[in-house]
Amino acid sequence: MIPRAFMPLNIAVLTVSDTRSLADDRSGDALQALLTQAGHTLFDRQMVRDDTYAIRAVVSAWINEPACQVVITTGGTGLTGRDGTPEAIKPLLDKEIEGFGELFRMVSWQIIGSSTLQSRATAGVANGTYLFVLPGSTSACQDAWNHIIQKQLDYRTQPCNMVELMPRLNEQ
């Protein structure tokens, strides 16, 4: 097997919160640190309130930008009335990656047990851009990145990874 070179990606981070600001956004800070430590580039980072249209406006702009290859959101995946990130994102998706939510909850089960049931983490592809919708917990963001996302966004991961699919995501 011929070794592959790392391919850095442009990744945007969106924090969805009614209570945090960029000054105390530990989950967004963690994601930014993790993705840059892995060798990727922070494309953009923003924060919006938990509002369907505010979330869609930011994410739609990013998925319309060819240079943005991945979007990671944190927050708004719970069960309360204000938690609406999955509902905001799902209509934008061309394809949902159902296995991501299942795998996230499997990883999370090992750490927080049955409380993982409250997470509606999801992922998908929109206009050739990968989207990952994560809980607002810093620990959940770290777990998702360290156990799932980092490996799938690394071209060197064998036997397969999401990076090698990127040229074909918009095939008709």
N, C-alpha and C. Protein backbone atom coordinates (compact mmCIF):
# COMPACT_ATOMS: atom_id res chain seq x y z
N MET A 1 0.84 -1.17 0.00
CA MET A 1 0.00 0.00 0.00
C MET A 1 0.89 1.25 0.00
N ILE A 2 0.65 2.14 -0.94
CA ILE A 2 1.43 3.37 -1.05
C ILE A 2 0.95 4.38 0.00
N PRO A 3 1.87 4.93 0.80
CA PRO A 3 1.45 5.92 1.79
C PRO A 3 0.87 7.17 1.12
N ARG A 4 -0.15 7.71 1.72
CA ARG A 4 -0.79 8.92 1.20
C ARG A 4 -0.32 10.13 1.99
N ALA A 5 -0.32 11.28 1.33
CA ALA A 5 0.01 12.54 1.99
C ALA A 5 -1.24 13.14 2.62
N PHE A 6 -1.07 13.85 3.72
CA PHE A 6 -2.17 14.54 4.36
C PHE A 6 -2.68 15.64 3.44
N MET A 7 -4.00 15.81 3.40
CA MET A 7 -4.62 16.86 2.59
C MET A 7 -5.40 17.79 3.54
N PRO A 8 -4.89 18.99 3.81
CA PRO A 8 -5.61 19.89 4.71
C PRO A 8 -6.92 20.37 4.08
N LEU A 9 -7.95 20.47 4.90
CA LEU A 9 -9.26 20.92 4.44
C LEU A 9 -9.60 22.27 5.08
N ASN A 10 -10.49 23.01 4.43
CA ASN A 10 -11.00 24.27 4.96
C ASN A 10 -12.29 23.97 5.71
N ILE A 11 -12.28 24.21 7.02
CA ILE A 11 -13.39 23.83 7.89
C ILE A 11 -13.95 25.06 8.61
N ALA A 12 -15.27 25.23 8.52
CA ALA A 12 -15.96 26.32 9.21
C ALA A 12 -16.61 25.78 10.48
N VAL A 13 -16.65 26.59 11.52
CA VAL A 13 -17.24 26.21 12.81
C VAL A 13 -18.33 27.22 13.17
N LEU A 14 -19.52 26.70 13.45
CA LEU A 14 -20.64 27.53 13.86
C LEU A 14 -21.12 27.08 15.24
N THR A 15 -21.13 28.00 16.19
CA THR A 15 -21.69 27.72 17.51
C THR A 15 -23.10 28.28 17.55
N VAL A 16 -24.03 27.43 17.97
CA VAL A 16 -25.44 27.83 18.10
C VAL A 16 -25.73 27.92 19.59
N SER A 17 -26.04 29.14 20.06
CA SER A 17 -26.30 29.32 21.49
C SER A 17 -27.07 30.60 21.75
N ASP A 18 -27.98 30.51 22.70
CA ASP A 18 -28.70 31.69 23.17
C ASP A 18 -28.02 32.30 24.39
N THR A 19 -27.03 31.62 24.95
CA THR A 19 -26.44 32.06 26.21
C THR A 19 -24.95 32.36 26.14
N ARG A 20 -24.26 31.84 25.15
CA ARG A 20 -22.81 32.03 25.07
C ARG A 20 -22.46 33.20 24.14
N SER A 21 -21.20 33.63 24.28
CA SER A 21 -20.62 34.59 23.34
C SER A 21 -19.31 33.99 22.86
N LEU A 22 -18.68 34.59 21.87
CA LEU A 22 -17.40 34.07 21.41
C LEU A 22 -16.36 34.07 22.54
N ALA A 23 -16.52 34.98 23.49
CA ALA A 23 -15.56 35.06 24.60
C ALA A 23 -15.62 33.84 25.52
N ASP A 24 -16.77 33.18 25.62
CA ASP A 24 -16.87 32.00 26.49
C ASP A 24 -17.36 30.76 25.74
N ASP A 25 -17.02 30.69 24.48
CA ASP A 25 -17.42 29.56 23.63
C ASP A 25 -16.37 28.45 23.68
N ARG A 26 -16.41 27.67 24.76
CA ARG A 26 -15.41 26.61 24.94
C ARG A 26 -15.50 25.52 23.87
N SER A 27 -16.70 25.19 23.43
CA SER A 27 -16.86 24.14 22.42
C SER A 27 -16.30 24.60 21.07
N GLY A 28 -16.61 25.81 20.68
CA GLY A 28 -16.04 26.36 19.44
C GLY A 28 -14.53 26.47 19.52
N ASP A 29 -14.02 26.91 20.68
CA ASP A 29 -12.57 26.99 20.89
C ASP A 29 -11.94 25.61 20.74
N ALA A 30 -12.57 24.61 21.34
CA ALA A 30 -12.03 23.25 21.28
C ALA A 30 -12.00 22.74 19.84
N LEU A 31 -13.09 22.94 19.11
CA LEU A 31 -13.12 22.48 17.72
C LEU A 31 -12.06 23.19 16.89
N GLN A 32 -11.93 24.50 17.08
CA GLN A 32 -10.92 25.24 16.34
C GLN A 32 -9.52 24.71 16.64
N ALA A 33 -9.23 24.48 17.91
CA ALA A 33 -7.92 23.96 18.30
C ALA A 33 -7.68 22.57 17.72
N LEU A 34 -8.68 21.70 17.81
CA LEU A 34 -8.53 20.33 17.33
C LEU A 34 -8.31 20.28 15.82
N LEU A 35 -9.08 21.04 15.08
CA LEU A 35 -8.94 20.97 13.62
C LEU A 35 -7.62 21.58 13.15
N THR A 36 -7.17 22.65 13.80
CA THR A 36 -5.88 23.23 13.39
C THR A 36 -4.71 22.36 13.83
N GLN A 37 -4.82 21.74 15.01
CA GLN A 37 -3.77 20.82 15.46
C GLN A 37 -3.65 19.63 14.51
N ALA A 38 -4.77 19.23 13.90
CA ALA A 38 -4.75 18.11 12.96
C ALA A 38 -4.19 18.52 11.60
N GLY A 39 -3.98 19.83 11.39
CA GLY A 39 -3.40 20.29 10.13
C GLY A 39 -4.38 20.93 9.18
N HIS A 40 -5.65 21.04 9.58
CA HIS A 40 -6.66 21.67 8.73
C HIS A 40 -6.65 23.18 8.96
N THR A 41 -7.39 23.90 8.11
CA THR A 41 -7.47 25.36 8.16
C THR A 41 -8.86 25.78 8.62
N LEU A 42 -8.91 26.73 9.56
CA LEU A 42 -10.19 27.29 9.96
C LEU A 42 -10.64 28.24 8.85
N PHE A 43 -11.70 27.87 8.15
CA PHE A 43 -12.23 28.68 7.06
C PHE A 43 -12.94 29.92 7.61
N ASP A 44 -13.76 29.72 8.63
CA ASP A 44 -14.50 30.80 9.27
C ASP A 44 -15.07 30.26 10.57
N ARG A 45 -15.37 31.18 11.46
CA ARG A 45 -16.00 30.78 12.72
C ARG A 45 -17.02 31.85 13.10
N GLN A 46 -18.24 31.41 13.39
CA GLN A 46 -19.29 32.34 13.76
C GLN A 46 -20.13 31.77 14.89
N MET A 47 -20.96 32.63 15.43
CA MET A 47 -21.89 32.24 16.47
C MET A 47 -23.24 32.86 16.14
N VAL A 48 -24.31 32.05 16.30
CA VAL A 48 -25.67 32.56 16.09
C VAL A 48 -26.56 32.06 17.21
N ARG A 49 -27.68 32.76 17.40
CA ARG A 49 -28.65 32.30 18.39
C ARG A 49 -29.35 31.06 17.84
N ASP A 50 -30.03 30.35 18.70
CA ASP A 50 -30.72 29.12 18.29
C ASP A 50 -32.00 29.51 17.55
N ASP A 51 -31.84 29.85 16.29
CA ASP A 51 -32.92 30.29 15.42
C ASP A 51 -32.72 29.64 14.06
N THR A 52 -33.73 28.95 13.59
CA THR A 52 -33.64 28.19 12.34
C THR A 52 -33.08 29.02 11.20
N TYR A 53 -33.59 30.22 11.02
CA TYR A 53 -33.20 31.02 9.86
C TYR A 53 -31.81 31.64 10.01
N ALA A 54 -31.42 31.96 11.24
CA ALA A 54 -30.07 32.46 11.47
C ALA A 54 -29.05 31.35 11.20
N ILE A 55 -29.36 30.14 11.64
CA ILE A 55 -28.47 28.99 11.39
C ILE A 55 -28.37 28.73 9.89
N ARG A 56 -29.51 28.65 9.22
CA ARG A 56 -29.51 28.37 7.78
C ARG A 56 -28.79 29.44 6.97
N ALA A 57 -28.91 30.70 7.38
CA ALA A 57 -28.26 31.78 6.64
C ALA A 57 -26.75 31.60 6.62
N VAL A 58 -26.17 31.32 7.78
CA VAL A 58 -24.72 31.15 7.87
C VAL A 58 -24.28 29.89 7.14
N VAL A 59 -24.94 28.78 7.42
CA VAL A 59 -24.55 27.51 6.80
C VAL A 59 -24.76 27.55 5.29
N SER A 60 -25.84 28.14 4.83
CA SER A 60 -26.10 28.25 3.38
C SER A 60 -24.99 29.04 2.68
N ALA A 61 -24.54 30.12 3.31
CA ALA A 61 -23.45 30.90 2.72
C ALA A 61 -22.18 30.07 2.61
N TRP A 62 -21.90 29.29 3.65
CA TRP A 62 -20.69 28.46 3.62
C TRP A 62 -20.78 27.36 2.58
N ILE A 63 -21.93 26.68 2.48
CA ILE A 63 -22.01 25.58 1.51
C ILE A 63 -22.10 26.10 0.08
N ASN A 64 -22.36 27.38 -0.07
CA ASN A 64 -22.35 28.01 -1.40
C ASN A 64 -20.95 28.48 -1.79
N GLU A 65 -20.02 28.42 -0.86
CA GLU A 65 -18.65 28.86 -1.08
C GLU A 65 -17.78 27.63 -1.39
N PRO A 66 -17.31 27.49 -2.64
CA PRO A 66 -16.54 26.28 -2.99
C PRO A 66 -15.31 26.03 -2.13
N ALA A 67 -14.72 27.07 -1.58
CA ALA A 67 -13.51 26.90 -0.76
C ALA A 67 -13.82 26.27 0.60
N CYS A 68 -15.06 26.33 1.05
CA CYS A 68 -15.44 25.74 2.34
C CYS A 68 -15.80 24.28 2.10
N GLN A 69 -15.02 23.37 2.66
CA GLN A 69 -15.20 21.94 2.40
C GLN A 69 -15.96 21.20 3.49
N VAL A 70 -15.93 21.74 4.71
CA VAL A 70 -16.57 21.09 5.85
C VAL A 70 -17.15 22.16 6.76
N VAL A 71 -18.34 21.89 7.31
CA VAL A 71 -18.96 22.75 8.31
C VAL A 71 -19.24 21.89 9.54
N ILE A 72 -18.83 22.39 10.70
CA ILE A 72 -19.13 21.72 11.95
C ILE A 72 -19.92 22.70 12.81
N THR A 73 -21.11 22.28 13.24
CA THR A 73 -21.88 23.10 14.16
C THR A 73 -21.83 22.46 15.54
N THR A 74 -21.95 23.30 16.55
CA THR A 74 -22.01 22.82 17.93
C THR A 74 -23.14 23.54 18.63
N GLY A 75 -24.02 22.77 19.26
CA GLY A 75 -25.13 23.35 20.01
C GLY A 75 -26.46 23.16 19.32
N GLY A 76 -27.51 23.15 20.13
CA GLY A 76 -28.87 23.08 19.61
C GLY A 76 -29.33 21.70 19.18
N THR A 77 -28.69 20.64 19.69
CA THR A 77 -29.08 19.29 19.27
C THR A 77 -29.88 18.55 20.33
N GLY A 78 -30.23 19.23 21.40
CA GLY A 78 -30.95 18.57 22.49
C GLY A 78 -32.44 18.47 22.23
N LEU A 79 -33.19 18.32 23.30
CA LEU A 79 -34.63 18.06 23.19
C LEU A 79 -35.51 19.24 23.60
N THR A 80 -34.91 20.32 24.07
CA THR A 80 -35.74 21.43 24.53
C THR A 80 -36.38 22.16 23.35
N GLY A 81 -37.34 22.99 23.67
CA GLY A 81 -38.05 23.73 22.64
C GLY A 81 -37.16 24.63 21.80
N ARG A 82 -36.06 25.13 22.36
CA ARG A 82 -35.16 26.02 21.62
C ARG A 82 -34.12 25.26 20.81
N ASP A 83 -33.96 23.97 21.04
CA ASP A 83 -32.95 23.18 20.31
C ASP A 83 -33.45 22.87 18.91
N GLY A 84 -32.90 23.53 17.91
CA GLY A 84 -33.41 23.34 16.56
C GLY A 84 -32.37 23.21 15.48
N THR A 85 -31.11 22.95 15.85
CA THR A 85 -30.07 22.87 14.82
C THR A 85 -30.32 21.74 13.82
N PRO A 86 -30.68 20.52 14.24
CA PRO A 86 -30.94 19.49 13.23
C PRO A 86 -32.06 19.89 12.26
N GLU A 87 -33.11 20.50 12.79
CA GLU A 87 -34.23 20.92 11.92
C GLU A 87 -33.80 22.03 10.96
N ALA A 88 -32.87 22.87 11.39
CA ALA A 88 -32.37 23.93 10.52
C ALA A 88 -31.48 23.37 9.42
N ILE A 89 -30.69 22.36 9.73
CA ILE A 89 -29.70 21.83 8.80
C ILE A 89 -30.28 20.79 7.84
N LYS A 90 -31.11 19.90 8.32
CA LYS A 90 -31.57 18.78 7.49
C LYS A 90 -32.18 19.19 6.15
N PRO A 91 -32.98 20.26 6.06
CA PRO A 91 -33.51 20.64 4.75
C PRO A 91 -32.44 21.08 3.75
N LEU A 92 -31.26 21.44 4.24
CA LEU A 92 -30.17 21.86 3.36
C LEU A 92 -29.42 20.67 2.77
N LEU A 93 -29.56 19.51 3.37
CA LEU A 93 -28.76 18.34 2.98
C LEU A 93 -29.23 17.71 1.68
N ASP A 94 -28.26 17.34 0.86
CA ASP A 94 -28.53 16.51 -0.31
C ASP A 94 -28.60 15.04 0.11
N LYS A 95 -27.75 14.69 1.08
CA LYS A 95 -27.73 13.33 1.62
C LYS A 95 -27.43 13.40 3.11
N GLU A 96 -28.16 12.60 3.87
CA GLU A 96 -27.87 12.48 5.29
C GLU A 96 -26.93 11.29 5.49
N ILE A 97 -26.00 11.44 6.41
CA ILE A 97 -25.09 10.34 6.77
C ILE A 97 -25.62 9.76 8.07
N GLU A 98 -26.59 8.86 7.96
CA GLU A 98 -27.28 8.32 9.14
C GLU A 98 -26.32 7.67 10.12
N GLY A 99 -25.31 7.00 9.61
CA GLY A 99 -24.38 6.30 10.48
C GLY A 99 -23.61 7.20 11.43
N PHE A 100 -23.47 8.48 11.08
CA PHE A 100 -22.73 9.38 11.97
C PHE A 100 -23.42 9.50 13.32
N GLY A 101 -24.71 9.79 13.32
CA GLY A 101 -25.43 9.93 14.59
C GLY A 101 -25.39 8.66 15.40
N GLU A 102 -25.54 7.53 14.72
CA GLU A 102 -25.50 6.24 15.40
C GLU A 102 -24.13 6.00 16.03
N LEU A 103 -23.07 6.27 15.25
CA LEU A 103 -21.71 6.07 15.74
C LEU A 103 -21.39 7.05 16.87
N PHE A 104 -21.84 8.30 16.73
CA PHE A 104 -21.61 9.27 17.79
C PHE A 104 -22.24 8.80 19.10
N ARG A 105 -23.47 8.34 19.04
CA ARG A 105 -24.13 7.88 20.26
C ARG A 105 -23.47 6.62 20.82
N MET A 106 -22.90 5.79 19.97
CA MET A 106 -22.17 4.61 20.44
C MET A 106 -20.91 5.04 21.21
N VAL A 107 -20.18 5.98 20.64
CA VAL A 107 -18.99 6.51 21.32
C VAL A 107 -19.39 7.19 22.62
N SER A 108 -20.41 8.01 22.55
CA SER A 108 -20.88 8.76 23.71
C SER A 108 -21.40 7.84 24.82
N TRP A 109 -22.01 6.74 24.45
CA TRP A 109 -22.51 5.76 25.43
C TRP A 109 -21.39 5.33 26.37
N GLN A 110 -20.20 5.15 25.83
CA GLN A 110 -19.06 4.70 26.64
C GLN A 110 -18.66 5.75 27.67
N ILE A 111 -19.06 7.00 27.46
CA ILE A 111 -18.63 8.10 28.32
C ILE A 111 -19.75 8.58 29.23
N ILE A 112 -20.96 8.75 28.69
CA ILE A 112 -22.05 9.32 29.50
C ILE A 112 -23.24 8.38 29.65
N GLY A 113 -23.12 7.18 29.16
CA GLY A 113 -24.18 6.19 29.32
C GLY A 113 -25.46 6.59 28.61
N SER A 114 -26.59 6.30 29.22
CA SER A 114 -27.87 6.48 28.56
C SER A 114 -28.22 7.94 28.29
N SER A 115 -27.50 8.89 28.86
CA SER A 115 -27.75 10.31 28.56
C SER A 115 -27.50 10.62 27.09
N THR A 116 -26.76 9.76 26.40
CA THR A 116 -26.51 9.98 24.98
C THR A 116 -27.81 9.95 24.17
N LEU A 117 -28.84 9.35 24.73
CA LEU A 117 -30.14 9.30 24.07
C LEU A 117 -30.67 10.70 23.77
N GLN A 118 -30.26 11.69 24.55
CA GLN A 118 -30.74 13.06 24.39
C GLN A 118 -30.06 13.81 23.25
N SER A 119 -29.04 13.22 22.62
CA SER A 119 -28.33 13.89 21.54
C SER A 119 -28.95 13.56 20.19
N ARG A 120 -29.14 14.59 19.40
CA ARG A 120 -29.62 14.40 18.03
C ARG A 120 -28.53 14.77 17.04
N ALA A 121 -27.28 14.41 17.37
CA ALA A 121 -26.16 14.66 16.47
C ALA A 121 -26.44 14.01 15.13
N THR A 122 -26.04 14.69 14.06
CA THR A 122 -26.28 14.17 12.72
C THR A 122 -25.20 14.69 11.79
N ALA A 123 -25.22 14.22 10.57
CA ALA A 123 -24.26 14.69 9.56
C ALA A 123 -24.85 14.48 8.18
N GLY A 124 -24.24 15.12 7.20
CA GLY A 124 -24.70 14.95 5.83
C GLY A 124 -23.80 15.69 4.86
N VAL A 125 -24.27 15.73 3.62
CA VAL A 125 -23.56 16.41 2.54
C VAL A 125 -24.52 17.40 1.90
N ALA A 126 -24.05 18.62 1.68
CA ALA A 126 -24.85 19.64 1.00
C ALA A 126 -23.95 20.38 0.01
N ASN A 127 -24.30 20.32 -1.25
CA ASN A 127 -23.55 21.00 -2.31
C ASN A 127 -22.06 20.65 -2.26
N GLY A 128 -21.75 19.40 -2.00
CA GLY A 128 -20.37 18.94 -1.98
C GLY A 128 -19.62 19.27 -0.70
N THR A 129 -20.31 19.77 0.31
CA THR A 129 -19.71 20.14 1.59
C THR A 129 -20.21 19.18 2.67
N TYR A 130 -19.28 18.68 3.48
CA TYR A 130 -19.68 17.84 4.60
C TYR A 130 -20.16 18.72 5.75
N LEU A 131 -21.25 18.31 6.39
CA LEU A 131 -21.78 19.01 7.57
C LEU A 131 -21.88 18.03 8.73
N PHE A 132 -21.37 18.46 9.89
CA PHE A 132 -21.45 17.68 11.11
C PHE A 132 -22.16 18.53 12.15
N VAL A 133 -23.25 18.02 12.72
CA VAL A 133 -24.06 18.74 13.69
C VAL A 133 -23.85 18.09 15.04
N LEU A 134 -23.13 18.80 15.93
CA LEU A 134 -22.71 18.24 17.21
C LEU A 134 -23.41 18.92 18.38
N PRO A 135 -23.49 18.23 19.51
CA PRO A 135 -24.01 18.86 20.72
C PRO A 135 -23.13 20.04 21.15
N GLY A 136 -23.64 20.84 22.07
CA GLY A 136 -22.92 22.01 22.54
C GLY A 136 -21.89 21.72 23.62
N SER A 137 -21.89 20.54 24.16
CA SER A 137 -20.92 20.17 25.19
C SER A 137 -19.51 20.09 24.61
N THR A 138 -18.55 20.69 25.33
CA THR A 138 -17.16 20.63 24.88
C THR A 138 -16.69 19.19 24.79
N SER A 139 -17.05 18.38 25.77
CA SER A 139 -16.67 16.97 25.77
C SER A 139 -17.25 16.24 24.55
N ALA A 140 -18.50 16.52 24.22
CA ALA A 140 -19.12 15.86 23.06
C ALA A 140 -18.40 16.26 21.77
N CYS A 141 -18.01 17.52 21.66
CA CYS A 141 -17.27 17.97 20.47
C CYS A 141 -15.92 17.27 20.37
N GLN A 142 -15.24 17.18 21.50
CA GLN A 142 -13.94 16.50 21.51
C GLN A 142 -14.09 15.02 21.17
N ASP A 143 -15.10 14.37 21.73
CA ASP A 143 -15.33 12.95 21.46
C ASP A 143 -15.65 12.72 19.98
N ALA A 144 -16.51 13.54 19.42
CA ALA A 144 -16.88 13.40 18.01
C ALA A 144 -15.66 13.60 17.12
N TRP A 145 -14.87 14.63 17.42
CA TRP A 145 -13.68 14.89 16.61
C TRP A 145 -12.66 13.76 16.76
N ASN A 146 -12.32 13.43 18.00
CA ASN A 146 -11.24 12.46 18.24
C ASN A 146 -11.57 11.05 17.80
N HIS A 147 -12.81 10.64 17.89
CA HIS A 147 -13.17 9.26 17.60
C HIS A 147 -13.77 9.04 16.21
N ILE A 148 -14.27 10.09 15.58
CA ILE A 148 -14.95 9.90 14.30
C ILE A 148 -14.46 10.88 13.23
N ILE A 149 -14.69 12.15 13.45
CA ILE A 149 -14.49 13.14 12.39
C ILE A 149 -13.03 13.23 11.95
N GLN A 150 -12.11 13.32 12.89
CA GLN A 150 -10.69 13.48 12.53
C GLN A 150 -10.23 12.37 11.58
N LYS A 151 -10.59 11.16 11.87
CA LYS A 151 -10.16 10.03 11.04
C LYS A 151 -10.79 10.07 9.65
N GLN A 152 -12.06 10.45 9.59
CA GLN A 152 -12.74 10.48 8.29
C GLN A 152 -12.33 11.69 7.45
N LEU A 153 -11.78 12.72 8.07
CA LEU A 153 -11.30 13.89 7.33
C LEU A 153 -9.79 13.83 7.12
N ASP A 154 -9.23 12.65 7.24
CA ASP A 154 -7.80 12.44 7.00
C ASP A 154 -7.65 11.48 5.83
N TYR A 155 -7.11 11.98 4.73
CA TYR A 155 -6.95 11.21 3.50
C TYR A 155 -6.10 9.95 3.70
N ARG A 156 -5.30 9.94 4.74
CA ARG A 156 -4.43 8.78 5.01
C ARG A 156 -5.16 7.62 5.66
N THR A 157 -6.38 7.85 6.18
CA THR A 157 -7.13 6.79 6.86
C THR A 157 -7.52 5.71 5.85
N GLN A 158 -7.20 4.47 6.21
CA GLN A 158 -7.51 3.32 5.37
C GLN A 158 -8.47 2.41 6.12
N PRO A 159 -9.37 1.69 5.53
CA PRO A 159 -9.44 1.44 4.10
C PRO A 159 -10.15 2.54 3.31
N CYS A 160 -10.89 3.44 3.98
CA CYS A 160 -11.54 4.51 3.24
C CYS A 160 -11.80 5.69 4.16
N ASN A 161 -12.05 6.84 3.55
CA ASN A 161 -12.29 8.06 4.30
C ASN A 161 -13.15 8.98 3.45
N MET A 162 -13.68 10.02 4.06
CA MET A 162 -14.57 10.94 3.36
C MET A 162 -13.84 11.87 2.39
N VAL A 163 -12.55 12.10 2.63
CA VAL A 163 -11.79 13.01 1.76
C VAL A 163 -11.69 12.45 0.35
N GLU A 164 -11.46 11.15 0.23
CA GLU A 164 -11.32 10.57 -1.11
C GLU A 164 -12.62 10.62 -1.90
N LEU A 165 -13.74 10.82 -1.23
CA LEU A 165 -15.04 10.92 -1.92
C LEU A 165 -15.34 12.34 -2.38
N MET A 166 -14.64 13.33 -1.87
CA MET A 166 -14.97 14.72 -2.14
C MET A 166 -15.06 15.07 -3.62
N PRO A 167 -14.17 14.60 -4.48
CA PRO A 167 -14.30 14.94 -5.91
C PRO A 167 -15.58 14.43 -6.55
N ARG A 168 -16.23 13.46 -5.92
CA ARG A 168 -17.43 12.85 -6.52
C ARG A 168 -18.73 13.24 -5.83
N LEU A 169 -18.69 14.10 -4.85
CA LEU A 169 -19.88 14.42 -4.07
C LEU A 169 -20.98 15.09 -4.90
N ASN A 170 -20.61 15.84 -5.92
CA ASN A 170 -21.62 16.54 -6.72
C ASN A 170 -21.89 15.86 -8.06
N GLU A 171 -21.51 14.59 -8.18
CA GLU A 171 -21.80 13.87 -9.43
C GLU A 171 -23.30 13.81 -9.69
N GLN A 172 -23.65 13.84 -10.94
CA GLN A 172 -25.07 13.71 -11.35
C GLN A 172 -25.25 12.38 -12.05
